[in-house]
Amino acid sequence: MAITVDADALLLKSHDLGGSSGTLIEVDVTRAGWEFTGLTVMKLGVGESWSRETGPDEVALVPLGGRCTVVVENQTWTIGERETPFAGQPWALYLPRDSAFEVRAESPLELAVCAARAERRLAPKLVTPDDVKVEIRGAGNAARQINHIIEPSFAADRLLVVEVFTPSGNWSSYPPHKHDVHDMPREADLEEIYYYRIDPPDGFGLQRLYTADAQTDAAYVIHDGDLLLVPEGYHAFAVAQGYTGYYLNVLAGDEPVRTMQPSDDPDFAWVRETWGDDLNEGLSSWRDIAERLNGRAGRRPH
């Protein structure tokens, strides 16, 4: 897979809607210049509705904040409960291609619509917080929390969705890894979208994206609401001390099996040998990681 746009064009900014409703950010396969993945983030006020058809895409509706009712082909689901991505575990609703749906906001709502081109039409499925597998990955200042929303074992065609929480001052997507060639079982060929939130929102993160031949080597300053397209290359993320980084990952490819298999940059892969389960004993969330590593350092007084 090759990057078809300038690296500077891979970083997109959310619209400043102020107190209004509407589309915060939207990217599809045409805008991205690739084959499979897309993401739309909508903002709705209480009682407002929004409708869409999935068309050739399967989608996962993930409330980033708020609660909503979704109506699809005479079926109704209510999803969401956290006020922000940092305030609890996610809900999601998987919908197949060729579906029409309507969303009604039951509270102030920010809704991510994660999309992937699909060939098979599978059954809708509700994902509750209890269904979401939580993983503490890495160790030390590369420890982070992974929420597996649409994982490889999920009954979808191509779509894969995870959330990642990077605690104050930590690294994630580390060691730098890529998934841009079909070389199974070592590496899967996947497109990837990163949609970022920073808490508090005046903070920042840093994202590096580079290829082994150095044809691409870009560093991005990441602000709350940014989106990065990752068509190829090694990538890693860090967040400033005193802030928590969040990103929603949407991935898809044309692999014969559903997998997120990456390959590490061999120059940095050694770091995995320094990790061990004992280093994460007693950790169940990104808050635990921040407390153990930083204590009161980088914590704002209330």
C-alpha atoms as a PDB file:
ATOM      1  CA  MET A   1       0.000   0.000   0.000  1.00  0.00           C
ATOM      2  CA  ALA A   2       1.317   3.481  -0.789  1.00  0.00           C
ATOM      3  CA  ILE A   3       0.379   6.907   0.496  1.00  0.00           C
ATOM      4  CA  THR A   4      -1.584   8.665  -2.243  1.00  0.00           C
ATOM      5  CA  VAL A   5      -1.615  12.117  -0.648  1.00  0.00           C
ATOM      6  CA  ASP A   6       0.964  14.439   0.844  1.00  0.00           C
ATOM      7  CA  ALA A   7       1.744  13.591   4.485  1.00  0.00           C
ATOM      8  CA  ASP A   8       0.691  17.134   5.422  1.00  0.00           C
ATOM      9  CA  ALA A   9      -2.814  16.364   4.138  1.00  0.00           C
ATOM     10  CA  LEU A  10      -3.281  13.379   6.453  1.00  0.00           C
ATOM     11  CA  LEU A  11      -4.129  15.494   9.529  1.00  0.00           C
ATOM     12  CA  LEU A  12      -7.706  16.822   9.593  1.00  0.00           C
ATOM     13  CA  LYS A  13      -9.297  19.281  12.022  1.00  0.00           C
ATOM     14  CA  SER A  14     -12.773  19.173  13.551  1.00  0.00           C
ATOM     15  CA  HIS A  15     -15.175  22.017  12.828  1.00  0.00           C
ATOM     16  CA  ASP A  16     -15.776  24.526  15.605  1.00  0.00           C
ATOM     17  CA  LEU A  17     -19.549  24.313  15.934  1.00  0.00           C
ATOM     18  CA  GLY A  18     -19.725  26.312  19.161  1.00  0.00           C
ATOM     19  CA  GLY A  19     -23.117  25.582  20.668  1.00  0.00           C
ATOM     20  CA  SER A  20     -24.583  24.397  17.366  1.00  0.00           C
ATOM     21  CA  SER A  21     -25.286  20.890  16.147  1.00  0.00           C
ATOM     22  CA  GLY A  22     -23.860  19.290  13.049  1.00  0.00           C
ATOM     23  CA  THR A  23     -20.917  17.390  11.679  1.00  0.00           C
ATOM     24  CA  LEU A  24     -17.740  17.800  13.718  1.00  0.00           C
ATOM     25  CA  ILE A  25     -15.582  15.861  11.265  1.00  0.00           C
ATOM     26  CA  GLU A  26     -16.138  13.484   8.364  1.00  0.00           C
ATOM     27  CA  VAL A  27     -13.881  11.463   6.112  1.00  0.00           C
ATOM     28  CA  ASP A  28     -14.759   8.736   3.635  1.00  0.00           C
ATOM     29  CA  VAL A  29     -12.800   6.588   1.199  1.00  0.00           C
ATOM     30  CA  THR A  30     -12.839   9.305  -1.465  1.00  0.00           C
ATOM     31  CA  ARG A  31     -11.456  11.989   0.855  1.00  0.00           C
ATOM     32  CA  ALA A  32      -8.908   9.586   2.307  1.00  0.00           C
ATOM     33  CA  GLY A  33      -7.817   8.285  -1.082  1.00  0.00           C
ATOM     34  CA  TRP A  34      -8.038   4.643  -0.049  1.00  0.00           C
ATOM     35  CA  GLU A  35     -10.402   1.662  -0.254  1.00  0.00           C
ATOM     36  CA  PHE A  36     -12.194   0.804   2.964  1.00  0.00           C
ATOM     37  CA  THR A  37     -12.453   3.043   6.039  1.00  0.00           C
ATOM     38  CA  GLY A  38     -14.331   6.178   7.043  1.00  0.00           C
ATOM     39  CA  LEU A  39     -15.412   8.101  10.128  1.00  0.00           C
ATOM     40  CA  THR A  40     -18.076  10.696  10.883  1.00  0.00           C
ATOM     41  CA  VAL A  41     -18.511  12.439  14.250  1.00  0.00           C
ATOM     42  CA  MET A  42     -21.859  14.153  14.826  1.00  0.00           C
ATOM     43  CA  LYS A  43     -22.930  16.597  17.533  1.00  0.00           C
ATOM     44  CA  LEU A  44     -26.633  16.713  18.446  1.00  0.00           C
ATOM     45  CA  GLY A  45     -28.671  18.550  21.063  1.00  0.00           C
ATOM     46  CA  VAL A  46     -31.310  16.927  23.263  1.00  0.00           C
ATOM     47  CA  GLY A  47     -34.263  15.760  21.165  1.00  0.00           C
ATOM     48  CA  GLU A  48     -32.531  16.319  17.838  1.00  0.00           C
ATOM     49  CA  SER A  49     -32.492  13.572  15.205  1.00  0.00           C
ATOM     50  CA  TRP A  50     -30.146  12.572  12.417  1.00  0.00           C
ATOM     51  CA  SER A  51     -30.663   9.986   9.697  1.00  0.00           C
ATOM     52  CA  ARG A  52     -28.330   8.184   7.335  1.00  0.00           C
ATOM     53  CA  GLU A  53     -28.062   5.096   5.124  1.00  0.00           C
ATOM     54  CA  THR A  54     -25.026   2.895   5.501  1.00  0.00           C
ATOM     55  CA  GLY A  55     -24.906   2.108   1.771  1.00  0.00           C
ATOM     56  CA  PRO A  56     -21.878  -0.099   0.960  1.00  0.00           C
ATOM     57  CA  ASP A  57     -20.452   0.300   4.476  1.00  0.00           C
ATOM     58  CA  GLU A  58     -20.924  -1.623   7.684  1.00  0.00           C
ATOM     59  CA  VAL A  59     -20.809   0.785  10.637  1.00  0.00           C
ATOM     60  CA  ALA A  60     -20.383   0.922  14.387  1.00  0.00           C
ATOM     61  CA  LEU A  61     -22.200   3.735  16.180  1.00  0.00           C
ATOM     62  CA  VAL A  62     -20.099   4.691  19.223  1.00  0.00           C
ATOM     63  CA  PRO A  63     -21.374   7.460  21.531  1.00  0.00           C
ATOM     64  CA  LEU A  64     -18.322   9.443  22.608  1.00  0.00           C
ATOM     65  CA  GLY A  65     -20.540  11.316  25.015  1.00  0.00           C
ATOM     66  CA  GLY A  66     -24.253  11.194  25.687  1.00  0.00           C
ATOM     67  CA  ARG A  67     -27.124   8.800  25.166  1.00  0.00           C
ATOM     68  CA  CYS A  68     -29.237   8.189  22.074  1.00  0.00           C
ATOM     69  CA  THR A  69     -31.967   6.015  20.619  1.00  0.00           C
ATOM     70  CA  VAL A  70     -31.300   4.320  17.277  1.00  0.00           C
ATOM     71  CA  VAL A  71     -34.086   3.030  15.028  1.00  0.00           C
ATOM     72  CA  VAL A  72     -33.212   0.564  12.255  1.00  0.00           C
ATOM     73  CA  GLU A  73     -35.760  -1.372  10.229  1.00  0.00           C
ATOM     74  CA  ASN A  74     -38.388  -1.348  12.992  1.00  0.00           C
ATOM     75  CA  GLN A  75     -35.835  -2.264  15.662  1.00  0.00           C
ATOM     76  CA  THR A  76     -34.917   0.205  18.416  1.00  0.00           C
ATOM     77  CA  TRP A  77     -31.862   0.366  20.670  1.00  0.00           C
ATOM     78  CA  THR A  78     -30.778   2.888  23.294  1.00  0.00           C
ATOM     79  CA  ILE A  79     -27.009   3.264  23.639  1.00  0.00           C
ATOM     80  CA  GLY A  80     -24.570   5.404  25.595  1.00  0.00           C
ATOM     81  CA  GLU A  81     -24.278   6.707  29.134  1.00  0.00           C
ATOM     82  CA  ARG A  82     -20.867   8.384  29.633  1.00  0.00           C
ATOM     83  CA  GLU A  83     -20.675  12.177  29.345  1.00  0.00           C
ATOM     84  CA  THR A  84     -17.261  12.136  27.647  1.00  0.00           C
ATOM     85  CA  PRO A  85     -14.913   9.402  26.399  1.00  0.00           C
ATOM     86  CA  PHE A  86     -12.990   9.785  29.673  1.00  0.00           C
ATOM     87  CA  ALA A  87     -16.024   9.167  31.894  1.00  0.00           C
ATOM     88  CA  GLY A  88     -16.730   5.477  31.445  1.00  0.00           C
ATOM     89  CA  GLN A  89     -16.823   2.443  29.207  1.00  0.00           C
ATOM     90  CA  PRO A  90     -18.295   2.575  25.697  1.00  0.00           C
ATOM     91  CA  TRP A  91     -21.499   1.369  24.187  1.00  0.00           C
ATOM     92  CA  ALA A  92     -21.753   0.604  20.478  1.00  0.00           C
ATOM     93  CA  LEU A  93     -24.235  -0.597  17.903  1.00  0.00           C
ATOM     94  CA  TYR A  94     -23.036  -2.544  14.880  1.00  0.00           C
ATOM     95  CA  LEU A  95     -25.150  -2.109  11.740  1.00  0.00           C
ATOM     96  CA  PRO A  96     -24.679  -3.952   8.442  1.00  0.00           C
ATOM     97  CA  ARG A  97     -24.353  -2.468   4.990  1.00  0.00           C
ATOM     98  CA  ASP A  98     -27.525  -1.403   3.161  1.00  0.00           C
ATOM     99  CA  SER A  99     -29.258  -0.243   6.351  1.00  0.00           C
ATOM    100  CA  ALA A 100     -31.174   2.977   7.017  1.00  0.00           C
ATOM    101  CA  PHE A 101     -30.996   4.325  10.566  1.00  0.00           C
ATOM    102  CA  GLU A 102     -32.201   7.292  12.593  1.00  0.00           C
ATOM    103  CA  VAL A 103     -30.495   8.581  15.731  1.00  0.00           C
ATOM    104  CA  ARG A 104     -32.340  10.634  18.348  1.00  0.00           C
ATOM    105  CA  ALA A 105     -30.320  12.327  21.091  1.00  0.00           C
ATOM    106  CA  GLU A 106     -31.657  11.654  24.586  1.00  0.00           C
ATOM    107  CA  SER A 107     -28.958  13.947  26.066  1.00  0.00           C
ATOM    108  CA  PRO A 108     -26.270  16.191  24.542  1.00  0.00           C
ATOM    109  CA  LEU A 109     -24.615  13.770  22.123  1.00  0.00           C
ATOM    110  CA  GLU A 110     -21.358  13.291  20.308  1.00  0.00           C
ATOM    111  CA  LEU A 111     -21.617  10.194  18.137  1.00  0.00           C
ATOM    112  CA  ALA A 112     -18.870   8.509  16.142  1.00  0.00           C
ATOM    113  CA  VAL A 113     -19.940   6.548  13.066  1.00  0.00           C
ATOM    114  CA  CYS A 114     -17.085   4.157  12.262  1.00  0.00           C
ATOM    115  CA  ALA A 115     -17.363   2.727   8.744  1.00  0.00           C
ATOM    116  CA  ALA A 116     -15.770   0.106   6.524  1.00  0.00           C
ATOM    117  CA  ARG A 117     -16.642  -1.118   3.058  1.00  0.00           C
ATOM    118  CA  ALA A 118     -18.284  -4.518   3.386  1.00  0.00           C
ATOM    119  CA  GLU A 119     -19.254  -7.322   1.046  1.00  0.00           C
ATOM    120  CA  ARG A 120     -21.292  -9.439   3.450  1.00  0.00           C
ATOM    121  CA  ARG A 121     -24.467  -8.213   5.131  1.00  0.00           C
ATOM    122  CA  LEU A 122     -24.449  -9.450   8.723  1.00  0.00           C
ATOM    123  CA  ALA A 123     -26.852  -9.041  11.641  1.00  0.00           C
ATOM    124  CA  PRO A 124     -27.053  -5.870  13.772  1.00  0.00           C
ATOM    125  CA  LYS A 125     -25.560  -6.302  17.213  1.00  0.00           C
ATOM    126  CA  LEU A 126     -25.575  -4.288  20.424  1.00  0.00           C
ATOM    127  CA  VAL A 127     -22.296  -3.891  22.324  1.00  0.00           C
ATOM    128  CA  THR A 128     -22.686  -3.005  26.008  1.00  0.00           C
ATOM    129  CA  PRO A 129     -19.897  -1.884  28.369  1.00  0.00           C
ATOM    130  CA  ASP A 130     -19.855  -5.405  29.821  1.00  0.00           C
ATOM    131  CA  ASP A 131     -19.085  -6.773  26.342  1.00  0.00           C
ATOM    132  CA  VAL A 132     -16.011  -4.573  25.882  1.00  0.00           C
ATOM    133  CA  LYS A 133     -12.749  -6.328  26.690  1.00  0.00           C
ATOM    134  CA  VAL A 134     -10.338  -4.022  28.572  1.00  0.00           C
ATOM    135  CA  GLU A 135      -6.607  -4.576  28.121  1.00  0.00           C
ATOM    136  CA  ILE A 136      -3.680  -2.896  29.863  1.00  0.00           C
ATOM    137  CA  ARG A 137      -0.935  -2.970  27.240  1.00  0.00           C
ATOM    138  CA  GLY A 138       2.723  -1.994  27.527  1.00  0.00           C
ATOM    139  CA  ALA A 139       4.404  -1.110  30.815  1.00  0.00           C
ATOM    140  CA  GLY A 140       5.833   1.868  32.684  1.00  0.00           C
ATOM    141  CA  ASN A 141       5.467   5.086  30.713  1.00  0.00           C
ATOM    142  CA  ALA A 142       4.295   3.063  27.707  1.00  0.00           C
ATOM    143  CA  ALA A 143       1.359   1.532  29.604  1.00  0.00           C
ATOM    144  CA  ARG A 144      -2.099   2.340  28.255  1.00  0.00           C
ATOM    145  CA  GLN A 145      -5.694   1.083  28.310  1.00  0.00           C
ATOM    146  CA  ILE A 146      -7.264  -0.559  25.262  1.00  0.00           C
ATOM    147  CA  ASN A 147     -11.037  -0.961  24.912  1.00  0.00           C
ATOM    148  CA  HIS A 148     -11.834  -3.618  22.291  1.00  0.00           C
ATOM    149  CA  ILE A 149     -15.187  -2.570  20.802  1.00  0.00           C
ATOM    150  CA  ILE A 150     -15.303  -4.374  17.433  1.00  0.00           C
ATOM    151  CA  GLU A 151     -12.514  -6.922  17.792  1.00  0.00           C
ATOM    152  CA  PRO A 152     -11.404  -9.594  15.313  1.00  0.00           C
ATOM    153  CA  SER A 153     -13.709 -12.204  16.891  1.00  0.00           C
ATOM    154  CA  PHE A 154     -16.747  -9.935  16.364  1.00  0.00           C
ATOM    155  CA  ALA A 155     -19.204 -10.987  13.633  1.00  0.00           C
ATOM    156  CA  ALA A 156     -18.383  -8.213  11.159  1.00  0.00           C
ATOM    157  CA  ASP A 157     -17.029  -8.282   7.631  1.00  0.00           C
ATOM    158  CA  ARG A 158     -13.992  -5.931   7.695  1.00  0.00           C
ATOM    159  CA  LEU A 159     -14.623  -3.334  10.409  1.00  0.00           C
ATOM    160  CA  LEU A 160     -12.367  -3.209  13.491  1.00  0.00           C
ATOM    161  CA  VAL A 161     -12.743  -0.566  16.249  1.00  0.00           C
ATOM    162  CA  VAL A 162     -10.805   0.076  19.460  1.00  0.00           C
ATOM    163  CA  GLU A 163     -10.406   2.929  21.931  1.00  0.00           C
ATOM    164  CA  VAL A 164      -7.026   3.746  23.469  1.00  0.00           C
ATOM    165  CA  PHE A 165      -6.438   5.840  26.610  1.00  0.00           C
ATOM    166  CA  THR A 166      -2.909   7.187  27.045  1.00  0.00           C
ATOM    167  CA  PRO A 167      -2.338   8.439  30.613  1.00  0.00           C
ATOM    168  CA  SER A 168      -0.511  11.644  31.547  1.00  0.00           C
ATOM    169  CA  GLY A 169       2.920  11.814  29.907  1.00  0.00           C
ATOM    170  CA  ASN A 170       2.779   8.283  28.479  1.00  0.00           C
ATOM    171  CA  TRP A 171       3.358   6.701  25.082  1.00  0.00           C
ATOM    172  CA  SER A 172       0.993   4.430  23.170  1.00  0.00           C
ATOM    173  CA  SER A 173       1.086   2.612  19.835  1.00  0.00           C
ATOM    174  CA  TYR A 174       4.535   1.810  21.162  1.00  0.00           C
ATOM    175  CA  PRO A 175       6.907   0.417  20.069  1.00  0.00           C
ATOM    176  CA  PRO A 176       6.191   2.057  16.705  1.00  0.00           C
ATOM    177  CA  HIS A 177       4.430  -0.451  14.490  1.00  0.00           C
ATOM    178  CA  LYS A 178       2.842  -0.678  11.081  1.00  0.00           C
ATOM    179  CA  HIS A 179       0.298  -2.786   9.209  1.00  0.00           C
ATOM    180  CA  ASP A 180       0.667  -1.866   5.547  1.00  0.00           C
ATOM    181  CA  VAL A 181       1.659  -5.086   3.782  1.00  0.00           C
ATOM    182  CA  HIS A 182       0.010  -8.476   3.467  1.00  0.00           C
ATOM    183  CA  ASP A 183       2.523 -10.801   5.106  1.00  0.00           C
ATOM    184  CA  MET A 184       0.440 -13.043   7.335  1.00  0.00           C
ATOM    185  CA  PRO A 185       0.796 -14.204   9.999  1.00  0.00           C
ATOM    186  CA  ARG A 186       3.520 -11.591  10.621  1.00  0.00           C
ATOM    187  CA  GLU A 187       1.611  -8.502   9.434  1.00  0.00           C
ATOM    188  CA  ALA A 188      -1.824  -7.534   8.119  1.00  0.00           C
ATOM    189  CA  ASP A 189      -2.496  -4.861   5.503  1.00  0.00           C
ATOM    190  CA  LEU A 190      -4.912  -2.389   7.144  1.00  0.00           C
ATOM    191  CA  GLU A 191      -5.966   1.228   6.698  1.00  0.00           C
ATOM    192  CA  GLU A 192      -6.336   3.090   9.990  1.00  0.00           C
ATOM    193  CA  ILE A 193      -8.003   6.253  11.268  1.00  0.00           C
ATOM    194  CA  TYR A 194      -7.025   7.949  14.529  1.00  0.00           C
ATOM    195  CA  TYR A 195      -9.611  10.313  16.045  1.00  0.00           C
ATOM    196  CA  TYR A 196      -8.203  12.109  19.085  1.00  0.00           C
ATOM    197  CA  ARG A 197      -9.588  13.700  22.218  1.00  0.00           C
ATOM    198  CA  ILE A 198      -7.454  15.365  24.883  1.00  0.00           C
ATOM    199  CA  ASP A 199      -8.522  15.890  28.514  1.00  0.00           C
ATOM    200  CA  PRO A 200      -8.485  18.724  29.513  1.00  0.00           C
ATOM    201  CA  PRO A 201      -8.991  19.917  25.917  1.00  0.00           C
ATOM    202  CA  ASP A 202      -6.331  22.654  26.056  1.00  0.00           C
ATOM    203  CA  GLY A 203      -3.595  19.979  26.079  1.00  0.00           C
ATOM    204  CA  PHE A 204      -1.776  18.328  23.220  1.00  0.00           C
ATOM    205  CA  GLY A 205      -0.189  15.116  22.045  1.00  0.00           C
ATOM    206  CA  LEU A 206       2.493  14.203  19.522  1.00  0.00           C
ATOM    207  CA  GLN A 207       2.086  11.638  16.742  1.00  0.00           C
ATOM    208  CA  ARG A 208       4.912  10.365  14.554  1.00  0.00           C
ATOM    209  CA  LEU A 209       4.304   8.638  11.205  1.00  0.00           C
ATOM    210  CA  TYR A 210       7.233   7.358   9.157  1.00  0.00           C
ATOM    211  CA  THR A 211       8.263   4.733   6.623  1.00  0.00           C
ATOM    212  CA  ALA A 212      11.363   2.555   6.718  1.00  0.00           C
ATOM    213  CA  ASP A 213      12.724   4.217   3.574  1.00  0.00           C
ATOM    214  CA  ALA A 214      12.228   7.696   5.143  1.00  0.00           C
ATOM    215  CA  GLN A 215      10.118   8.839   2.206  1.00  0.00           C
ATOM    216  CA  THR A 216       7.602   9.798   4.889  1.00  0.00           C
ATOM    217  CA  ASP A 217       8.753  11.025   8.298  1.00  0.00           C
ATOM    218  CA  ALA A 218       6.182  13.383   9.808  1.00  0.00           C
ATOM    219  CA  ALA A 219       5.531  14.584  13.346  1.00  0.00           C
ATOM    220  CA  TYR A 220       2.120  16.047  14.132  1.00  0.00           C
ATOM    221  CA  VAL A 221       1.016  18.202  17.063  1.00  0.00           C
ATOM    222  CA  ILE A 222      -2.308  16.670  18.059  1.00  0.00           C
ATOM    223  CA  HIS A 223      -5.113  18.781  19.517  1.00  0.00           C
ATOM    224  CA  ASP A 224      -8.535  17.809  20.840  1.00  0.00           C
ATOM    225  CA  GLY A 225     -10.756  16.770  17.926  1.00  0.00           C
ATOM    226  CA  ASP A 226      -8.009  16.091  15.384  1.00  0.00           C
ATOM    227  CA  LEU A 227      -8.071  13.128  12.998  1.00  0.00           C
ATOM    228  CA  LEU A 228      -5.118  11.421  11.333  1.00  0.00           C
ATOM    229  CA  LEU A 229      -5.276   9.112   8.330  1.00  0.00           C
ATOM    230  CA  VAL A 230      -2.719   6.305   8.502  1.00  0.00           C
ATOM    231  CA  PRO A 231      -2.485   4.591   5.107  1.00  0.00           C
ATOM    232  CA  GLU A 232       1.018   3.200   5.731  1.00  0.00           C
ATOM    233  CA  GLY A 233       4.108   3.495   7.880  1.00  0.00           C
ATOM    234  CA  TYR A 234       5.208   3.064  11.473  1.00  0.00           C
ATOM    235  CA  HIS A 235       3.341   5.186  14.010  1.00  0.00           C
ATOM    236  CA  ALA A 236       3.533   6.072  17.722  1.00  0.00           C
ATOM    237  CA  PHE A 237       1.752   8.580  19.991  1.00  0.00           C
ATOM    238  CA  ALA A 238       2.620  10.455  23.196  1.00  0.00           C
ATOM    239  CA  VAL A 239       0.584  12.852  25.353  1.00  0.00           C
ATOM    240  CA  ALA A 240       1.808  15.790  27.434  1.00  0.00           C
ATOM    241  CA  GLN A 241       2.103  15.375  31.198  1.00  0.00           C
ATOM    242  CA  GLY A 242      -1.001  16.597  32.995  1.00  0.00           C
ATOM    243  CA  TYR A 243      -3.304  15.449  30.183  1.00  0.00           C
ATOM    244  CA  THR A 244      -4.971  12.226  29.092  1.00  0.00           C
ATOM    245  CA  GLY A 245      -4.940  11.265  25.439  1.00  0.00           C
ATOM    246  CA  TYR A 246      -7.755   9.304  23.818  1.00  0.00           C
ATOM    247  CA  TYR A 247      -8.062   8.015  20.317  1.00  0.00           C
ATOM    248  CA  LEU A 248     -10.693   6.034  18.522  1.00  0.00           C
ATOM    249  CA  ASN A 249      -9.114   3.672  15.984  1.00  0.00           C
ATOM    250  CA  VAL A 250     -11.033   2.519  12.923  1.00  0.00           C
ATOM    251  CA  LEU A 251      -9.286  -0.159  10.859  1.00  0.00           C
ATOM    252  CA  ALA A 252     -10.142  -2.257   7.832  1.00  0.00           C
ATOM    253  CA  GLY A 253      -8.438  -4.156   5.048  1.00  0.00           C
ATOM    254  CA  ASP A 254      -8.915  -7.037   2.678  1.00  0.00           C
ATOM    255  CA  GLU A 255      -7.235  -9.769   4.690  1.00  0.00           C
ATOM    256  CA  PRO A 256      -8.742 -13.283   4.438  1.00  0.00           C
ATOM    257  CA  VAL A 257      -8.933 -13.413   8.266  1.00  0.00           C
ATOM    258  CA  ARG A 258     -10.035 -10.734  10.706  1.00  0.00           C
ATOM    259  CA  THR A 259      -6.924  -9.532  12.506  1.00  0.00           C
ATOM    260  CA  MET A 260      -5.119  -6.388  13.683  1.00  0.00           C
ATOM    261  CA  GLN A 261      -1.689  -8.017  13.395  1.00  0.00           C
ATOM    262  CA  PRO A 262       1.035  -5.305  13.310  1.00  0.00           C
ATOM    263  CA  SER A 263       4.774  -5.538  12.864  1.00  0.00           C
ATOM    264  CA  ASP A 264       7.102  -3.512  15.094  1.00  0.00           C
ATOM    265  CA  ASP A 265       9.873  -1.247  13.874  1.00  0.00           C
ATOM    266  CA  PRO A 266      12.843  -3.572  14.442  1.00  0.00           C
ATOM    267  CA  ASP A 267      14.911  -0.669  15.801  1.00  0.00           C
ATOM    268  CA  PHE A 268      12.506  -0.313  18.732  1.00  0.00           C
ATOM    269  CA  ALA A 269      11.095  -3.829  19.134  1.00  0.00           C
ATOM    270  CA  TRP A 270      13.575  -4.627  21.926  1.00  0.00           C
ATOM    271  CA  VAL A 271      11.494  -2.568  24.354  1.00  0.00           C
ATOM    272  CA  ARG A 272       8.902  -5.350  24.570  1.00  0.00           C
ATOM    273  CA  GLU A 273      11.458  -7.543  26.314  1.00  0.00           C
ATOM    274  CA  THR A 274      11.491  -5.065  29.208  1.00  0.00           C
ATOM    275  CA  TRP A 275       7.767  -5.489  29.859  1.00  0.00           C
ATOM    276  CA  GLY A 276       6.261  -8.069  32.170  1.00  0.00           C
ATOM    277  CA  ASP A 277       2.910  -8.854  33.755  1.00  0.00           C
ATOM    278  CA  ASP A 278       4.367  -8.074  37.179  1.00  0.00           C
ATOM    279  CA  LEU A 279       4.834  -4.425  36.168  1.00  0.00           C
ATOM    280  CA  ASN A 280       1.074  -4.064  35.585  1.00  0.00           C
ATOM    281  CA  GLU A 281      -0.134  -6.049  38.570  1.00  0.00           C
ATOM    282  CA  GLY A 282      -3.122  -4.324  40.166  1.00  0.00           C
ATOM    283  CA  LEU A 283      -3.731  -1.996  37.187  1.00  0.00           C
ATOM    284  CA  SER A 284      -7.214  -2.082  35.678  1.00  0.00           C
ATOM    285  CA  SER A 285      -7.522   1.320  33.967  1.00  0.00           C
ATOM    286  CA  TRP A 286      -5.595   4.302  32.638  1.00  0.00           C
ATOM    287  CA  ARG A 287      -6.367   6.093  35.911  1.00  0.00           C
ATOM    288  CA  ASP A 288      -4.498   3.398  37.820  1.00  0.00           C
ATOM    289  CA  ILE A 289      -1.530   3.793  35.498  1.00  0.00           C
ATOM    290  CA  ALA A 290      -1.460   7.578  35.962  1.00  0.00           C
ATOM    291  CA  GLU A 291      -1.732   7.259  39.736  1.00  0.00           C
ATOM    292  CA  ARG A 292       1.093   4.732  39.990  1.00  0.00           C
ATOM    293  CA  LEU A 293       3.466   6.534  37.634  1.00  0.00           C
ATOM    294  CA  ASN A 294       2.767  10.185  38.362  1.00  0.00           C
ATOM    295  CA  GLY A 295       1.071  10.408  41.736  1.00  0.00           C
ATOM    296  CA  ARG A 296       0.292  14.083  42.196  1.00  0.00           C
ATOM    297  CA  ALA A 297       2.809  15.198  39.527  1.00  0.00           C
ATOM    298  CA  GLY A 298       1.026  16.795  36.600  1.00  0.00           C
ATOM    299  CA  ARG A 299      -2.327  16.764  38.398  1.00  0.00           C
ATOM    300  CA  ARG A 300      -4.272  20.023  38.439  1.00  0.00           C
ATOM    301  CA  PRO A 301      -5.521  21.239  41.807  1.00  0.00           C
ATOM    302  CA  HIS A 302      -9.322  21.204  42.088  1.00  0.00           C
END
